Every structure is written in structure tokens, then in C-alpha cells.
Amino acid sequence: METLEVLLVHATHHRSPYWVVDRRSGPNEEPAELHSWMQEDYFPRVRAVLGQPPQVAFLVTPAELARLQEHRATAPQDWHTPAVHFGWFTQLPAAAAWLQVQRMPRPPNSSFC
């Protein structure tokens, strides 16, 4: 939680909603409380502070990506809520390319949340 709060401070200072978070060396599973806090408190607050949903590209191990794909029907780059848009990747170039696409202007009546 502390690391995410520091990330928000830096994102606010730089006015950047485009993040790469490298989780390849961290734990594969976080406590359920952390997920609840991120969903109910953190990412809605981030959206409010930045004025738009953050676009977060997570770098994960191939094993973690496979585990995530087993639990979701959508592609790992299509996970979004009104508060945040996630992409999951195993390589930095793919994550950076995805973030670049997220920076492109969208039509006003786009279905993007």
C-alpha cells in the first residue's frame, strides 16, 4: 500500500496516468484485502486526483500471466473498470507499446470506460 501511495504522489507531480509496474520479482499473490483496497479506495482516488483513469501496464512472469489468463475470459490488455485500465505483459517493449496506444485520443462516444 505504501508503494502505491508513493506512486500516486509521483504520478500527481508529473500529471501522468500512464504507469508501468514491474511485478516480476514480487510475490505472485497479494492478500485479498489489498485487492479490495485498490478497487474500492485507491484507484477511484487516483482517477479523481489525475482526472482520468490510470492506464497501468503490469509486467509479470510468464507463469503469472498464464495464471491470470485462466481466470479471465478477456485478453489481458482489455481489463478495465471506470476507475482503472489494466494491461498485463511479460516484456517491457509490449507494455510500452500498449501505453503508447492508450495515449491516443479516443472518439467522444467511445465505449471505453
Protein backbone atom coordinates (compact mmCIF):
# COMPACT_ATOMS: atom_id res chain seq x y z
CA MET A 1 0.00 0.00 0.00
CA GLU A 2 2.80 2.37 0.87
CA THR A 3 4.47 1.83 -2.52
CA LEU A 4 1.22 2.57 -4.33
CA GLU A 5 0.78 5.77 -2.35
CA VAL A 6 4.31 6.87 -3.34
CA LEU A 7 3.45 6.04 -6.96
CA LEU A 8 0.40 8.28 -6.72
CA VAL A 9 2.48 11.16 -5.36
CA HIS A 10 4.89 10.89 -8.30
CA ALA A 11 2.08 10.47 -10.83
CA THR A 12 0.35 13.55 -9.44
CA HIS A 13 3.56 15.58 -9.55
CA HIS A 14 4.21 14.58 -13.17
CA ARG A 15 0.50 14.57 -14.11
CA SER A 16 0.89 11.12 -15.61
CA PRO A 17 -1.84 8.48 -15.69
CA TYR A 18 0.40 6.11 -17.72
CA TRP A 19 2.25 3.67 -15.49
CA VAL A 20 4.45 0.60 -15.80
CA VAL A 21 4.53 -1.52 -12.64
CA ASP A 22 7.10 -4.31 -12.63
CA ARG A 23 5.80 -7.19 -10.52
CA ARG A 24 8.16 -9.84 -11.88
CA SER A 25 10.25 -10.01 -8.72
CA GLY A 26 7.47 -9.57 -6.17
CA PRO A 27 5.01 -12.04 -4.71
CA ASN A 28 2.65 -13.69 -7.17
CA GLU A 29 -0.32 -13.44 -4.85
CA GLU A 30 -1.32 -10.40 -2.84
CA PRO A 31 -3.74 -10.51 0.08
CA ALA A 32 -7.42 -10.13 -0.78
CA GLU A 33 -7.50 -7.02 1.43
CA LEU A 34 -5.02 -5.31 -0.90
CA HIS A 35 -7.19 -6.02 -3.94
CA SER A 36 -10.27 -4.69 -2.13
CA TRP A 37 -8.44 -1.55 -1.05
CA MET A 38 -7.16 -0.91 -4.59
CA GLN A 39 -10.61 -1.43 -6.11
CA GLU A 40 -12.67 0.44 -3.53
CA ASP A 41 -10.30 3.20 -2.40
CA TYR A 42 -7.03 3.56 -4.27
CA PHE A 43 -7.91 3.54 -7.97
CA PRO A 44 -11.08 5.65 -7.58
CA ARG A 45 -8.93 8.16 -5.67
CA VAL A 46 -6.23 8.02 -8.37
CA ARG A 47 -8.85 8.70 -11.02
CA ALA A 48 -10.17 11.67 -9.04
CA VAL A 49 -6.69 13.13 -8.48
CA LEU A 50 -5.50 12.65 -12.08
CA GLY A 51 -8.83 13.50 -13.70
CA GLN A 52 -8.93 10.28 -15.69
CA PRO A 53 -8.49 6.55 -15.13
CA PRO A 54 -4.86 5.49 -14.86
CA GLN A 55 -3.54 3.20 -17.57
CA VAL A 56 -1.42 0.61 -15.76
CA ALA A 57 0.82 -1.83 -17.62
CA PHE A 58 1.87 -4.59 -15.23
CA LEU A 59 4.98 -6.62 -16.03
CA VAL A 60 4.59 -10.18 -14.75
CA THR A 61 6.31 -13.52 -15.22
CA PRO A 62 5.05 -15.84 -17.97
CA ALA A 63 3.69 -18.19 -15.27
CA GLU A 64 1.77 -15.35 -13.63
CA LEU A 65 0.35 -14.23 -16.99
CA ALA A 66 -0.85 -17.78 -17.69
CA ARG A 67 -2.50 -17.91 -14.25
CA LEU A 68 -4.23 -14.58 -14.86
CA GLN A 69 -5.47 -15.70 -18.28
CA GLU A 70 -7.02 -18.82 -16.73
CA HIS A 71 -9.23 -16.63 -14.53
CA ARG A 72 -10.36 -14.14 -17.19
CA ALA A 73 -12.25 -14.55 -20.45
CA THR A 74 -10.87 -11.33 -21.95
CA ALA A 75 -7.40 -10.61 -23.26
CA PRO A 76 -5.00 -9.33 -20.60
CA GLN A 77 -4.84 -5.92 -22.28
CA ASP A 78 -8.60 -5.41 -22.05
CA TRP A 79 -9.22 -5.34 -18.32
CA HIS A 80 -10.78 -2.04 -17.36
CA THR A 81 -13.22 -0.51 -14.97
CA PRO A 82 -14.40 3.09 -14.70
CA ALA A 83 -11.54 3.68 -12.24
CA VAL A 84 -8.58 1.98 -13.99
CA HIS A 85 -7.47 0.25 -17.21
CA PHE A 86 -5.00 -2.63 -16.83
CA GLY A 87 -2.71 -4.39 -19.23
CA TRP A 88 -0.60 -7.41 -18.28
CA PHE A 89 2.66 -8.14 -20.09
CA THR A 90 5.82 -10.19 -19.75
CA GLN A 91 8.10 -7.79 -21.68
CA LEU A 92 8.68 -4.05 -21.32
CA PRO A 93 8.50 -3.26 -25.10
CA ALA A 94 4.98 -4.70 -25.32
CA ALA A 95 3.91 -2.79 -22.20
CA ALA A 96 5.36 0.47 -23.56
CA ALA A 97 3.64 -0.04 -26.92
CA TRP A 98 0.31 -0.64 -25.18
CA LEU A 99 0.71 2.52 -23.10
CA GLN A 100 1.51 4.48 -26.26
CA VAL A 101 -1.78 3.33 -27.80
CA GLN A 102 -3.61 4.37 -24.61
CA ARG A 103 -2.28 7.91 -25.06
CA MET A 104 -4.00 8.26 -28.44
CA PRO A 105 -7.16 10.38 -28.44
CA ARG A 106 -10.40 8.41 -28.43
CA PRO A 107 -13.65 9.34 -30.14
CA PRO A 108 -16.10 11.15 -27.81
CA ASN A 109 -18.65 8.33 -27.96
CA SER A 110 -16.11 5.57 -27.42
CA SER A 111 -17.21 2.63 -25.29
CA PHE A 112 -14.01 2.91 -23.25
CA CYS A 113 -14.76 3.42 -19.56
